[in-house]
């Protein structure tokens, strides 16, 4: 899994997750806790991700999505065929 090494990468992963959800490219399981975690996630007034509102479930989902969309994953997936 690709884990972010700085704030910029973390915010990119979070933004990719929310964009995918808004555009319908990514679906979430029917899990009340996860849905509440996503709804509780906020941005600060300067439009940056507020880390205090991102819990482990959202962070894990964002990092997983970034991994699945990476070229490294595609290369690994194609090599196993």
N, C-alpha and C. Protein backbone atom coordinates (compact mmCIF):
# COMPACT_ATOMS: atom_id res chain seq x y z
N UNK A 1 0.83 -1.18 0.00
CA UNK A 1 0.00 0.00 0.00
C UNK A 1 0.88 1.24 0.00
N UNK A 2 0.46 2.21 -0.76
CA UNK A 2 1.18 3.47 -0.81
C UNK A 2 0.75 4.32 0.38
N UNK A 3 1.70 4.64 1.24
CA UNK A 3 1.40 5.51 2.37
C UNK A 3 2.03 6.87 2.11
N UNK A 4 1.31 7.92 2.44
CA UNK A 4 1.85 9.26 2.17
C UNK A 4 3.03 9.59 3.07
N UNK A 5 3.99 10.29 2.51
CA UNK A 5 5.18 10.66 3.29
C UNK A 5 5.13 12.11 3.75
N UNK A 6 4.13 12.85 3.27
CA UNK A 6 3.99 14.24 3.70
C UNK A 6 2.52 14.67 3.61
N UNK A 7 2.24 15.85 4.07
CA UNK A 7 0.86 16.35 4.11
C UNK A 7 0.26 16.47 2.71
N UNK A 8 1.06 16.91 1.76
CA UNK A 8 0.57 17.10 0.40
C UNK A 8 0.06 15.78 -0.19
N UNK A 9 0.80 14.71 -0.01
CA UNK A 9 0.38 13.41 -0.51
C UNK A 9 -0.87 12.92 0.21
N UNK A 10 -0.93 13.12 1.53
CA UNK A 10 -2.10 12.71 2.30
C UNK A 10 -3.35 13.44 1.81
N UNK A 11 -3.24 14.74 1.63
CA UNK A 11 -4.38 15.52 1.15
C UNK A 11 -4.78 15.08 -0.26
N UNK A 12 -3.81 14.72 -1.07
CA UNK A 12 -4.11 14.23 -2.42
C UNK A 12 -4.92 12.94 -2.34
N UNK A 13 -4.52 12.02 -1.47
CA UNK A 13 -5.24 10.75 -1.32
C UNK A 13 -6.68 11.00 -0.84
N UNK A 14 -6.82 11.88 0.15
CA UNK A 14 -8.16 12.18 0.68
C UNK A 14 -9.02 12.83 -0.41
N UNK A 15 -8.45 13.77 -1.15
CA UNK A 15 -9.21 14.44 -2.20
C UNK A 15 -9.58 13.47 -3.33
N UNK A 16 -8.69 12.55 -3.67
CA UNK A 16 -8.99 11.53 -4.68
C UNK A 16 -10.18 10.68 -4.23
N UNK A 17 -10.19 10.32 -2.96
CA UNK A 17 -11.28 9.51 -2.42
C UNK A 17 -12.61 10.24 -2.55
N UNK A 18 -12.67 11.49 -2.09
CA UNK A 18 -13.92 12.23 -2.13
C UNK A 18 -14.36 12.57 -3.55
N UNK A 19 -13.43 12.84 -4.44
CA UNK A 19 -13.79 13.08 -5.84
C UNK A 19 -14.39 11.82 -6.46
N UNK A 20 -13.79 10.68 -6.17
CA UNK A 20 -14.31 9.42 -6.69
C UNK A 20 -15.71 9.12 -6.17
N UNK A 21 -15.95 9.43 -4.91
CA UNK A 21 -17.28 9.21 -4.33
C UNK A 21 -18.30 10.16 -4.96
N UNK A 22 -17.93 11.42 -5.14
CA UNK A 22 -18.84 12.40 -5.72
C UNK A 22 -19.17 12.07 -7.17
N UNK A 23 -18.21 11.55 -7.91
CA UNK A 23 -18.40 11.24 -9.32
C UNK A 23 -18.97 9.85 -9.56
N UNK A 24 -19.14 9.07 -8.50
CA UNK A 24 -19.71 7.75 -8.63
C UNK A 24 -18.75 6.69 -9.13
N UNK A 25 -17.45 6.99 -9.15
CA UNK A 25 -16.45 6.02 -9.61
C UNK A 25 -16.05 5.07 -8.50
N UNK A 26 -16.39 5.41 -7.28
CA UNK A 26 -15.99 4.60 -6.14
C UNK A 26 -17.21 4.41 -5.25
N UNK A 27 -17.46 3.18 -4.87
CA UNK A 27 -18.62 2.88 -4.03
C UNK A 27 -18.13 2.39 -2.68
N UNK A 28 -18.87 2.72 -1.66
CA UNK A 28 -18.47 2.31 -0.31
C UNK A 28 -19.43 1.23 0.18
N UNK A 29 -18.94 0.36 1.04
CA UNK A 29 -19.82 -0.67 1.60
C UNK A 29 -20.87 -0.04 2.51
N UNK A 30 -21.96 -0.74 2.68
CA UNK A 30 -23.05 -0.26 3.53
C UNK A 30 -22.68 -0.49 4.99
N UNK A 31 -21.79 0.35 5.48
CA UNK A 31 -21.28 0.25 6.85
C UNK A 31 -21.53 1.59 7.53
N UNK A 32 -22.39 1.58 8.53
CA UNK A 32 -22.81 2.83 9.18
C UNK A 32 -21.62 3.60 9.76
N UNK A 33 -20.68 2.89 10.36
CA UNK A 33 -19.52 3.55 10.97
C UNK A 33 -18.66 4.25 9.91
N UNK A 34 -18.43 3.57 8.79
CA UNK A 34 -17.63 4.16 7.72
C UNK A 34 -18.33 5.36 7.10
N UNK A 35 -19.62 5.25 6.87
CA UNK A 35 -20.38 6.36 6.30
C UNK A 35 -20.33 7.57 7.23
N UNK A 36 -20.51 7.34 8.53
CA UNK A 36 -20.43 8.44 9.50
C UNK A 36 -19.04 9.06 9.52
N UNK A 37 -18.01 8.23 9.39
CA UNK A 37 -16.64 8.75 9.36
C UNK A 37 -16.41 9.65 8.15
N UNK A 38 -16.94 9.25 7.01
CA UNK A 38 -16.80 10.06 5.81
C UNK A 38 -17.58 11.38 5.95
N UNK A 39 -18.77 11.30 6.53
CA UNK A 39 -19.57 12.51 6.71
C UNK A 39 -18.95 13.46 7.74
N UNK A 40 -18.23 12.92 8.70
CA UNK A 40 -17.59 13.75 9.74
C UNK A 40 -16.30 14.41 9.26
N UNK A 41 -15.76 13.97 8.14
CA UNK A 41 -14.52 14.55 7.61
C UNK A 41 -14.78 15.97 7.13
N UNK A 42 -13.89 16.86 7.50
CA UNK A 42 -14.08 18.28 7.19
C UNK A 42 -12.82 18.89 6.59
N UNK A 43 -13.02 20.03 5.96
CA UNK A 43 -11.90 20.85 5.50
C UNK A 43 -11.85 22.09 6.37
N UNK A 44 -10.67 22.60 6.56
CA UNK A 44 -10.51 23.82 7.34
C UNK A 44 -10.90 25.02 6.48
N UNK A 45 -11.02 26.21 7.06
CA UNK A 45 -11.42 27.39 6.29
C UNK A 45 -10.52 27.70 5.09
N UNK A 46 -9.25 27.28 5.15
CA UNK A 46 -8.36 27.55 4.02
C UNK A 46 -8.39 26.42 2.98
N UNK A 47 -9.45 25.59 3.03
CA UNK A 47 -9.72 24.51 2.05
C UNK A 47 -8.74 23.35 2.14
N UNK A 48 -8.03 23.23 3.26
CA UNK A 48 -7.14 22.09 3.45
C UNK A 48 -7.83 21.06 4.32
N UNK A 49 -7.41 19.83 4.21
CA UNK A 49 -8.01 18.75 4.99
C UNK A 49 -7.71 18.97 6.47
N UNK A 50 -8.74 18.87 7.28
CA UNK A 50 -8.57 18.99 8.73
C UNK A 50 -8.23 17.60 9.26
N UNK A 51 -6.98 17.38 9.64
CA UNK A 51 -6.53 16.07 10.09
C UNK A 51 -7.29 15.55 11.31
N UNK A 52 -7.76 16.45 12.13
CA UNK A 52 -8.46 16.05 13.35
C UNK A 52 -9.79 15.36 13.06
N UNK A 53 -10.33 15.56 11.86
CA UNK A 53 -11.62 14.95 11.52
C UNK A 53 -11.48 13.68 10.68
N UNK A 54 -10.27 13.33 10.31
CA UNK A 54 -10.02 12.12 9.51
C UNK A 54 -9.66 10.98 10.45
N UNK A 55 -10.49 9.95 10.47
CA UNK A 55 -10.16 8.82 11.33
C UNK A 55 -9.47 7.71 10.53
N UNK A 56 -9.15 6.63 11.20
CA UNK A 56 -8.37 5.57 10.59
C UNK A 56 -9.08 4.92 9.41
N UNK A 57 -10.39 4.78 9.47
CA UNK A 57 -11.15 4.16 8.39
C UNK A 57 -11.04 4.97 7.10
N UNK A 58 -11.21 6.27 7.21
CA UNK A 58 -11.12 7.14 6.04
C UNK A 58 -9.70 7.17 5.50
N UNK A 59 -8.73 7.24 6.40
CA UNK A 59 -7.33 7.25 5.97
C UNK A 59 -6.98 5.97 5.22
N UNK A 60 -7.41 4.82 5.75
CA UNK A 60 -7.12 3.55 5.11
C UNK A 60 -7.79 3.44 3.75
N UNK A 61 -9.03 3.89 3.67
CA UNK A 61 -9.75 3.84 2.41
C UNK A 61 -9.10 4.74 1.36
N UNK A 62 -8.66 5.93 1.77
CA UNK A 62 -7.99 6.86 0.85
C UNK A 62 -6.66 6.29 0.36
N UNK A 63 -5.88 5.71 1.26
CA UNK A 63 -4.60 5.13 0.85
C UNK A 63 -4.79 3.91 -0.04
N UNK A 64 -5.81 3.11 0.22
CA UNK A 64 -6.10 1.95 -0.62
C UNK A 64 -6.48 2.39 -2.02
N UNK A 65 -7.31 3.40 -2.10
CA UNK A 65 -7.73 3.91 -3.41
C UNK A 65 -6.53 4.45 -4.19
N UNK A 66 -5.65 5.16 -3.51
CA UNK A 66 -4.46 5.70 -4.18
C UNK A 66 -3.58 4.55 -4.68
N UNK A 67 -3.49 3.48 -3.93
CA UNK A 67 -2.70 2.33 -4.34
C UNK A 67 -3.29 1.68 -5.58
N UNK A 68 -4.61 1.48 -5.57
CA UNK A 68 -5.26 0.82 -6.70
C UNK A 68 -5.21 1.64 -7.98
N UNK A 69 -5.10 2.95 -7.86
CA UNK A 69 -5.02 3.80 -9.04
C UNK A 69 -3.59 4.07 -9.49
N UNK A 70 -2.62 3.56 -8.77
CA UNK A 70 -1.22 3.83 -9.10
C UNK A 70 -0.75 2.93 -10.25
N UNK A 71 0.29 3.38 -10.92
CA UNK A 71 0.86 2.60 -12.01
C UNK A 71 1.57 1.35 -11.47
N UNK A 72 2.08 1.41 -10.24
CA UNK A 72 2.73 0.24 -9.64
C UNK A 72 1.74 -0.90 -9.50
N UNK A 73 0.52 -0.60 -9.09
CA UNK A 73 -0.50 -1.63 -8.94
C UNK A 73 -0.88 -2.21 -10.29
N UNK A 74 -1.03 -1.35 -11.29
CA UNK A 74 -1.37 -1.82 -12.63
C UNK A 74 -0.28 -2.75 -13.17
N UNK A 75 0.97 -2.40 -12.96
CA UNK A 75 2.09 -3.25 -13.42
C UNK A 75 2.06 -4.58 -12.70
N UNK A 76 1.80 -4.58 -11.40
CA UNK A 76 1.74 -5.81 -10.62
C UNK A 76 0.55 -6.66 -11.07
N UNK A 77 -0.58 -6.03 -11.31
CA UNK A 77 -1.78 -6.73 -11.75
C UNK A 77 -1.58 -7.35 -13.12
N UNK A 78 -0.98 -6.60 -14.04
CA UNK A 78 -0.75 -7.10 -15.39
C UNK A 78 0.30 -8.20 -15.41
N UNK A 79 1.27 -8.16 -14.54
CA UNK A 79 2.32 -9.18 -14.49
C UNK A 79 1.77 -10.51 -13.99
N UNK A 80 0.72 -10.46 -13.17
CA UNK A 80 0.16 -11.71 -12.62
C UNK A 80 -0.75 -12.43 -13.60
N UNK A 81 -1.09 -11.79 -14.72
CA UNK A 81 -1.97 -12.42 -15.72
C UNK A 81 -1.21 -13.37 -16.59
